[in-house]
PDB file of N, CA and C in Angstrom:
ATOM      1  N   MET A   1     -48.463  -8.092  14.569  1.00  0.00           N
ATOM      2  CA  MET A   1     -47.481  -8.549  13.450  1.00  0.00           C
ATOM      3  C   MET A   1     -46.962  -7.808  12.930  1.00  0.00           C
ATOM      4  N   THR A   2     -45.669  -8.169  12.165  1.00  0.00           N
ATOM      5  CA  THR A   2     -44.711  -7.351  11.676  1.00  0.00           C
ATOM      6  C   THR A   2     -45.333  -6.858  10.063  1.00  0.00           C
ATOM      7  N   GLY A   3     -44.728  -5.867   9.493  1.00  0.00           N
ATOM      8  CA  GLY A   3     -45.078  -5.379   8.201  1.00  0.00           C
ATOM      9  C   GLY A   3     -44.749  -6.454   7.323  1.00  0.00           C
ATOM     10  N   GLU A   4     -43.955  -7.400   7.403  1.00  0.00           N
ATOM     11  CA  GLU A   4     -43.567  -8.186   6.576  1.00  0.00           C
ATOM     12  C   GLU A   4     -44.957  -9.718   6.611  1.00  0.00           C
ATOM     13  N   GLU A   5     -45.270  -9.924   7.752  1.00  0.00           N
ATOM     14  CA  GLU A   5     -46.267 -10.837   7.892  1.00  0.00           C
ATOM     15  C   GLU A   5     -47.549 -10.132   7.342  1.00  0.00           C
ATOM     16  N   ILE A   6     -47.689  -8.987   7.653  1.00  0.00           N
ATOM     17  CA  ILE A   6     -48.821  -8.154   6.753  1.00  0.00           C
ATOM     18  C   ILE A   6     -48.892  -8.336   5.477  1.00  0.00           C
ATOM     19  N   PHE A   7     -47.590  -8.085   4.693  1.00  0.00           N
ATOM     20  CA  PHE A   7     -47.413  -8.117   3.213  1.00  0.00           C
ATOM     21  C   PHE A   7     -47.717  -9.848   2.986  1.00  0.00           C
ATOM     22  N   ASP A   8     -47.319 -10.558   3.778  1.00  0.00           N
ATOM     23  CA  ASP A   8     -47.609 -12.051   3.204  1.00  0.00           C
ATOM     24  C   ASP A   8     -48.791 -11.998   3.267  1.00  0.00           C
ATOM     25  N   LYS A   9     -49.744 -12.026   4.456  1.00  0.00           N
ATOM     26  CA  LYS A   9     -50.977 -12.177   4.469  1.00  0.00           C
ATOM     27  C   LYS A   9     -51.656 -11.846   3.407  1.00  0.00           C
ATOM     28  N   TYR A  10     -51.668 -10.405   2.920  1.00  0.00           N
ATOM     29  CA  TYR A  10     -52.674 -10.005   1.870  1.00  0.00           C
ATOM     30  C   TYR A  10     -52.275 -10.455   0.603  1.00  0.00           C
ATOM     31  N   VAL A  11     -50.711 -10.999   0.514  1.00  0.00           N
ATOM     32  CA  VAL A  11     -50.312 -11.455  -0.909  1.00  0.00           C
ATOM     33  C   VAL A  11     -51.191 -12.599  -1.273  1.00  0.00           C
ATOM     34  N   ASN A  12     -51.134 -13.172  -0.028  1.00  0.00           N
ATOM     35  CA  ASN A  12     -51.399 -14.690  -0.294  1.00  0.00           C
ATOM     36  C   ASN A  12     -53.266 -14.978  -0.548  1.00  0.00           C
ATOM     37  N   GLU A  13     -53.644 -13.977  -0.134  1.00  0.00           N
ATOM     38  CA  GLU A  13     -55.132 -13.617  -0.298  1.00  0.00           C
ATOM     39  C   GLU A  13     -55.415 -13.403  -1.553  1.00  0.00           C
ATOM     40  N   GLY A  14     -54.321 -12.832  -2.370  1.00  0.00           N
ATOM     41  CA  GLY A  14     -54.618 -12.398  -3.659  1.00  0.00           C
ATOM     42  C   GLY A  14     -55.548 -11.171  -3.868  1.00  0.00           C
ATOM     43  N   GLY A  15     -55.934 -10.712  -5.143  1.00  0.00           N
ATOM     44  CA  GLY A  15     -56.750  -9.705  -5.637  1.00  0.00           C
ATOM     45  C   GLY A  15     -55.547  -8.083  -5.667  1.00  0.00           C
ATOM     46  N   GLU A  16     -56.718  -7.191  -5.838  1.00  0.00           N
ATOM     47  CA  GLU A  16     -56.123  -6.206  -6.340  1.00  0.00           C
ATOM     48  C   GLU A  16     -54.888  -5.771  -5.149  1.00  0.00           C
ATOM     49  N   TYR A  17     -55.399  -5.414  -4.033  1.00  0.00           N
ATOM     50  CA  TYR A  17     -54.470  -5.273  -3.028  1.00  0.00           C
ATOM     51  C   TYR A  17     -53.005  -5.884  -3.047  1.00  0.00           C
ATOM     52  N   ALA A  18     -53.150  -7.046  -3.294  1.00  0.00           N
ATOM     53  CA  ALA A  18     -52.062  -7.750  -3.540  1.00  0.00           C
ATOM     54  C   ALA A  18     -51.279  -7.482  -4.490  1.00  0.00           C
ATOM     55  N   GLN A  19     -51.729  -7.309  -5.649  1.00  0.00           N
ATOM     56  CA  GLN A  19     -50.999  -6.422  -6.807  1.00  0.00           C
ATOM     57  C   GLN A  19     -50.381  -5.274  -6.466  1.00  0.00           C
ATOM     58  N   LEU A  20     -51.326  -4.398  -5.733  1.00  0.00           N
ATOM     59  CA  LEU A  20     -50.736  -3.132  -5.455  1.00  0.00           C
ATOM     60  C   LEU A  20     -49.347  -3.213  -4.451  1.00  0.00           C
ATOM     61  N   LEU A  21     -49.445  -4.290  -3.484  1.00  0.00           N
ATOM     62  CA  LEU A  21     -48.478  -4.307  -2.677  1.00  0.00           C
ATOM     63  C   LEU A  21     -47.142  -5.075  -3.393  1.00  0.00           C
ATOM     64  N   LEU A  22     -47.519  -6.014  -4.311  1.00  0.00           N
ATOM     65  CA  LEU A  22     -46.313  -6.661  -4.770  1.00  0.00           C
ATOM     66  C   LEU A  22     -45.541  -5.455  -5.554  1.00  0.00           C
ATOM     67  N   THR A  23     -46.327  -4.744  -6.605  1.00  0.00           N
ATOM     68  CA  THR A  23     -45.798  -3.590  -7.131  1.00  0.00           C
ATOM     69  C   THR A  23     -44.929  -2.458  -6.331  1.00  0.00           C
ATOM     70  N   LEU A  24     -45.602  -2.217  -5.317  1.00  0.00           N
ATOM     71  CA  LEU A  24     -45.004  -1.292  -4.374  1.00  0.00           C
ATOM     72  C   LEU A  24     -43.657  -1.970  -3.883  1.00  0.00           C
ATOM     73  N   HIS A  25     -43.979  -3.272  -3.286  1.00  0.00           N
ATOM     74  CA  HIS A  25     -42.415  -3.849  -2.889  1.00  0.00           C
ATOM     75  C   HIS A  25     -41.559  -4.162  -3.999  1.00  0.00           C
ATOM     76  N   ILE A  26     -41.757  -4.466  -5.150  1.00  0.00           N
ATOM     77  CA  ILE A  26     -40.850  -4.084  -6.231  1.00  0.00           C
ATOM     78  C   ILE A  26     -39.902  -2.703  -6.436  1.00  0.00           C
ATOM     79  N   SER A  27     -40.701  -1.584  -5.834  1.00  0.00           N
ATOM     80  CA  SER A  27     -40.180  -0.290  -6.229  1.00  0.00           C
ATOM     81  C   SER A  27     -39.534   0.132  -4.694  1.00  0.00           C
ATOM     82  N   LEU A  28     -40.311  -0.241  -3.648  1.00  0.00           N
ATOM     83  CA  LEU A  28     -39.837   0.159  -2.313  1.00  0.00           C
ATOM     84  C   LEU A  28     -38.897  -0.952  -1.567  1.00  0.00           C
ATOM     85  N   GLY A  29     -38.836  -2.246  -1.732  1.00  0.00           N
ATOM     86  CA  GLY A  29     -38.123  -3.196  -1.264  1.00  0.00           C
ATOM     87  C   GLY A  29     -38.717  -3.217   0.158  1.00  0.00           C
ATOM     88  N   ASP A  30     -37.907  -3.177   1.276  1.00  0.00           N
ATOM     89  CA  ASP A  30     -38.123  -3.351   2.205  1.00  0.00           C
ATOM     90  C   ASP A  30     -38.729  -2.193   3.419  1.00  0.00           C
ATOM     91  N   GLN A  31     -38.408  -0.934   2.528  1.00  0.00           N
ATOM     92  CA  GLN A  31     -39.141  -0.047   3.005  1.00  0.00           C
ATOM     93  C   GLN A  31     -40.704   0.241   3.104  1.00  0.00           C
ATOM     94  N   LEU A  32     -40.976  -0.663   2.401  1.00  0.00           N
ATOM     95  CA  LEU A  32     -42.856  -0.924   2.328  1.00  0.00           C
ATOM     96  C   LEU A  32     -43.042  -1.523   3.529  1.00  0.00           C
ATOM     97  N   PHE A  33     -42.597  -2.340   4.466  1.00  0.00           N
ATOM     98  CA  PHE A  33     -42.930  -3.047   5.535  1.00  0.00           C
ATOM     99  C   PHE A  33     -43.487  -1.985   6.680  1.00  0.00           C
ATOM    100  N   PRO A  34     -42.774  -1.008   6.961  1.00  0.00           N
ATOM    101  CA  PRO A  34     -42.974  -0.337   7.978  1.00  0.00           C
ATOM    102  C   PRO A  34     -44.098   0.899   8.009  1.00  0.00           C
ATOM    103  N   ILE A  35     -44.079   1.053   6.164  1.00  0.00           N
ATOM    104  CA  ILE A  35     -45.671   2.022   5.760  1.00  0.00           C
ATOM    105  C   ILE A  35     -46.740   0.844   6.124  1.00  0.00           C
ATOM    106  N   LEU A  36     -46.672  -0.434   5.685  1.00  0.00           N
ATOM    107  CA  LEU A  36     -47.660  -1.132   5.671  1.00  0.00           C
ATOM    108  C   LEU A  36     -48.341  -1.503   6.997  1.00  0.00           C
ATOM    109  N   LYS A  37     -47.178  -1.903   7.708  1.00  0.00           N
ATOM    110  CA  LYS A  37     -47.528  -1.767   9.075  1.00  0.00           C
ATOM    111  C   LYS A  37     -48.292  -0.640   9.875  1.00  0.00           C
ATOM    112  N   LYS A  38     -47.865   0.424   9.562  1.00  0.00           N
ATOM    113  CA  LYS A  38     -48.739   1.906  10.089  1.00  0.00           C
ATOM    114  C   LYS A  38     -50.053   1.779   9.603  1.00  0.00           C
ATOM    115  N   ALA A  39     -50.303   1.337   8.433  1.00  0.00           N
ATOM    116  CA  ALA A  39     -51.545   1.388   7.729  1.00  0.00           C
ATOM    117  C   ALA A  39     -52.123   0.533   8.349  1.00  0.00           C
ATOM    118  N   GLU A  40     -51.801  -0.580   8.867  1.00  0.00           N
ATOM    119  CA  GLU A  40     -52.708  -1.867   9.392  1.00  0.00           C
ATOM    120  C   GLU A  40     -53.052  -1.483  10.652  1.00  0.00           C
ATOM    121  N   ASP A  41     -52.020  -0.921  11.390  1.00  0.00           N
ATOM    122  CA  ASP A  41     -52.022  -0.255  12.791  1.00  0.00           C
ATOM    123  C   ASP A  41     -53.121   0.499  12.863  1.00  0.00           C
ATOM    124  N   GLN A  42     -53.445   1.483  11.984  1.00  0.00           N
ATOM    125  CA  GLN A  42     -54.321   2.254  11.627  1.00  0.00           C
ATOM    126  C   GLN A  42     -56.044   2.001  11.265  1.00  0.00           C
ATOM    127  N   GLY A  43     -56.008   0.471  10.775  1.00  0.00           N
ATOM    128  CA  GLY A  43     -57.045   0.085   9.985  1.00  0.00           C
ATOM    129  C   GLY A  43     -57.397   0.573   8.842  1.00  0.00           C
ATOM    130  N   LYS A  44     -56.172   1.053   8.037  1.00  0.00           N
ATOM    131  CA  LYS A  44     -55.901   1.507   6.590  1.00  0.00           C
ATOM    132  C   LYS A  44     -55.310   0.534   5.700  1.00  0.00           C
ATOM    133  N   LYS A  45     -55.663   0.967   4.628  1.00  0.00           N
ATOM    134  CA  LYS A  45     -54.712   0.204   3.463  1.00  0.00           C
ATOM    135  C   LYS A  45     -54.162   1.364   2.613  1.00  0.00           C
ATOM    136  N   LEU A  46     -53.228   0.683   1.602  1.00  0.00           N
ATOM    137  CA  LEU A  46     -52.296   1.750   1.222  1.00  0.00           C
ATOM    138  C   LEU A  46     -52.979   2.073  -0.224  1.00  0.00           C
ATOM    139  N   GLU A  47     -52.937   3.273  -0.887  1.00  0.00           N
ATOM    140  CA  GLU A  47     -53.559   3.631  -2.095  1.00  0.00           C
ATOM    141  C   GLU A  47     -52.043   4.413  -2.712  1.00  0.00           C
ATOM    142  N   VAL A  48     -52.172   4.388  -3.819  1.00  0.00           N
ATOM    143  CA  VAL A  48     -51.195   5.191  -4.660  1.00  0.00           C
ATOM    144  C   VAL A  48     -51.826   6.116  -5.814  1.00  0.00           C
ATOM    145  N   ASN A  49     -51.466   7.367  -5.289  1.00  0.00           N
ATOM    146  CA  ASN A  49     -51.966   8.600  -6.013  1.00  0.00           C
ATOM    147  C   ASN A  49     -51.069   8.863  -7.598  1.00  0.00           C
ATOM    148  N   GLN A  50     -51.828   8.800  -8.846  1.00  0.00           N
ATOM    149  CA  GLN A  50     -50.963   8.681  -9.795  1.00  0.00           C
ATOM    150  C   GLN A  50     -51.153   9.937 -10.514  1.00  0.00           C
ATOM    151  N   ASP A  51     -51.598  10.992  -9.775  1.00  0.00           N
ATOM    152  CA  ASP A  51     -51.614  12.648 -10.302  1.00  0.00           C
ATOM    153  C   ASP A  51     -50.084  13.013 -10.511  1.00  0.00           C
ATOM    154  N   ASP A  52     -49.123  12.863  -9.688  1.00  0.00           N
ATOM    155  CA  ASP A  52     -48.012  13.863  -9.715  1.00  0.00           C
ATOM    156  C   ASP A  52     -47.125  12.786 -11.007  1.00  0.00           C
ATOM    157  N   GLU A  53     -46.387  13.892 -11.341  1.00  0.00           N
ATOM    158  CA  GLU A  53     -45.518  14.222 -12.408  1.00  0.00           C
ATOM    159  C   GLU A  53     -44.334  13.504 -12.298  1.00  0.00           C
ATOM    160  N   LEU A  54     -43.773  13.744 -10.934  1.00  0.00           N
ATOM    161  CA  LEU A  54     -42.372  12.957 -10.492  1.00  0.00           C
ATOM    162  C   LEU A  54     -42.551  11.827 -10.137  1.00  0.00           C
ATOM    163  N   LEU A  55     -41.891  10.606 -10.773  1.00  0.00           N
ATOM    164  CA  LEU A  55     -41.911   9.396 -10.528  1.00  0.00           C
ATOM    165  C   LEU A  55     -40.434   8.605 -10.492  1.00  0.00           C
ATOM    166  N   ILE A  56     -40.336   7.825  -9.221  1.00  0.00           N
ATOM    167  CA  ILE A  56     -39.010   7.375  -9.410  1.00  0.00           C
ATOM    168  C   ILE A  56     -39.335   6.005  -9.440  1.00  0.00           C
ATOM    169  N   ASP A  57     -38.873   5.079  -9.995  1.00  0.00           N
ATOM    170  CA  ASP A  57     -39.479   3.679 -10.606  1.00  0.00           C
ATOM    171  C   ASP A  57     -40.935   3.742 -10.210  1.00  0.00           C
ATOM    172  N   GLY A  58     -41.746   4.702 -10.949  1.00  0.00           N
ATOM    173  CA  GLY A  58     -43.296   4.661 -10.799  1.00  0.00           C
ATOM    174  C   GLY A  58     -43.765   4.877  -9.482  1.00  0.00           C
ATOM    175  N   ILE A  59     -43.011   5.380  -8.332  1.00  0.00           N
ATOM    176  CA  ILE A  59     -43.534   5.185  -7.232  1.00  0.00           C
ATOM    177  C   ILE A  59     -42.794   6.500  -6.607  1.00  0.00           C
ATOM    178  N   VAL A  60     -43.633   7.128  -6.113  1.00  0.00           N
ATOM    179  CA  VAL A  60     -43.140   8.167  -5.366  1.00  0.00           C
ATOM    180  C   VAL A  60     -43.459   8.391  -3.618  1.00  0.00           C
ATOM    181  N   MET A  61     -42.820   8.374  -2.767  1.00  0.00           N
ATOM    182  CA  MET A  61     -43.327   8.013  -1.145  1.00  0.00           C
ATOM    183  C   MET A  61     -44.528   8.804  -1.060  1.00  0.00           C
ATOM    184  N   SER A  62     -44.295  10.464  -1.319  1.00  0.00           N
ATOM    185  CA  SER A  62     -45.532  11.085  -1.119  1.00  0.00           C
ATOM    186  C   SER A  62     -46.847  10.659  -1.959  1.00  0.00           C
ATOM    187  N   ASP A  63     -46.694   9.822  -2.987  1.00  0.00           N
ATOM    188  CA  ASP A  63     -47.862   9.308  -3.890  1.00  0.00           C
ATOM    189  C   ASP A  63     -48.620   8.648  -2.559  1.00  0.00           C
ATOM    190  N   ILE A  64     -47.972   7.641  -1.661  1.00  0.00           N
ATOM    191  CA  ILE A  64     -48.770   6.855  -0.936  1.00  0.00           C
ATOM    192  C   ILE A  64     -49.441   7.410  -0.216  1.00  0.00           C
ATOM    193  N   SER A  65     -50.830   6.955   0.123  1.00  0.00           N
ATOM    194  CA  SER A  65     -51.462   7.462   1.043  1.00  0.00           C
ATOM    195  C   SER A  65     -51.992   6.268   2.195  1.00  0.00           C
ATOM    196  N   LEU A  66     -52.751   6.399   3.105  1.00  0.00           N
ATOM    197  CA  LEU A  66     -53.310   5.473   3.480  1.00  0.00           C
ATOM    198  C   LEU A  66     -54.478   6.056   3.766  1.00  0.00           C
ATOM    199  N   VAL A  67     -55.473   5.078   3.402  1.00  0.00           N
ATOM    200  CA  VAL A  67     -57.099   5.155   3.026  1.00  0.00           C
ATOM    201  C   VAL A  67     -58.004   4.433   3.979  1.00  0.00           C
TER     202      VAL A  67
END
C-alpha cells in the first residue's frame, strides 16, 4: 500500500486517528504520506507530542513519533 492509500483507509474508518491524520495532512501536505507508510510498515501509528514550544502550523516534524 502507498502512504496515500493508507491515509485514505484510516480516514474512511473515522475516529481519533483519522482526525489526527487529517490535521497532519493539513499541516504537512503530501510530506505526510512517506511518514505514514514508514509507520505502517513498522506496525506503528503516528502520534503528536505537544510539549515542544516551537511550532510551525501547529506541527513540528520532530514532534511526530511512531508508537
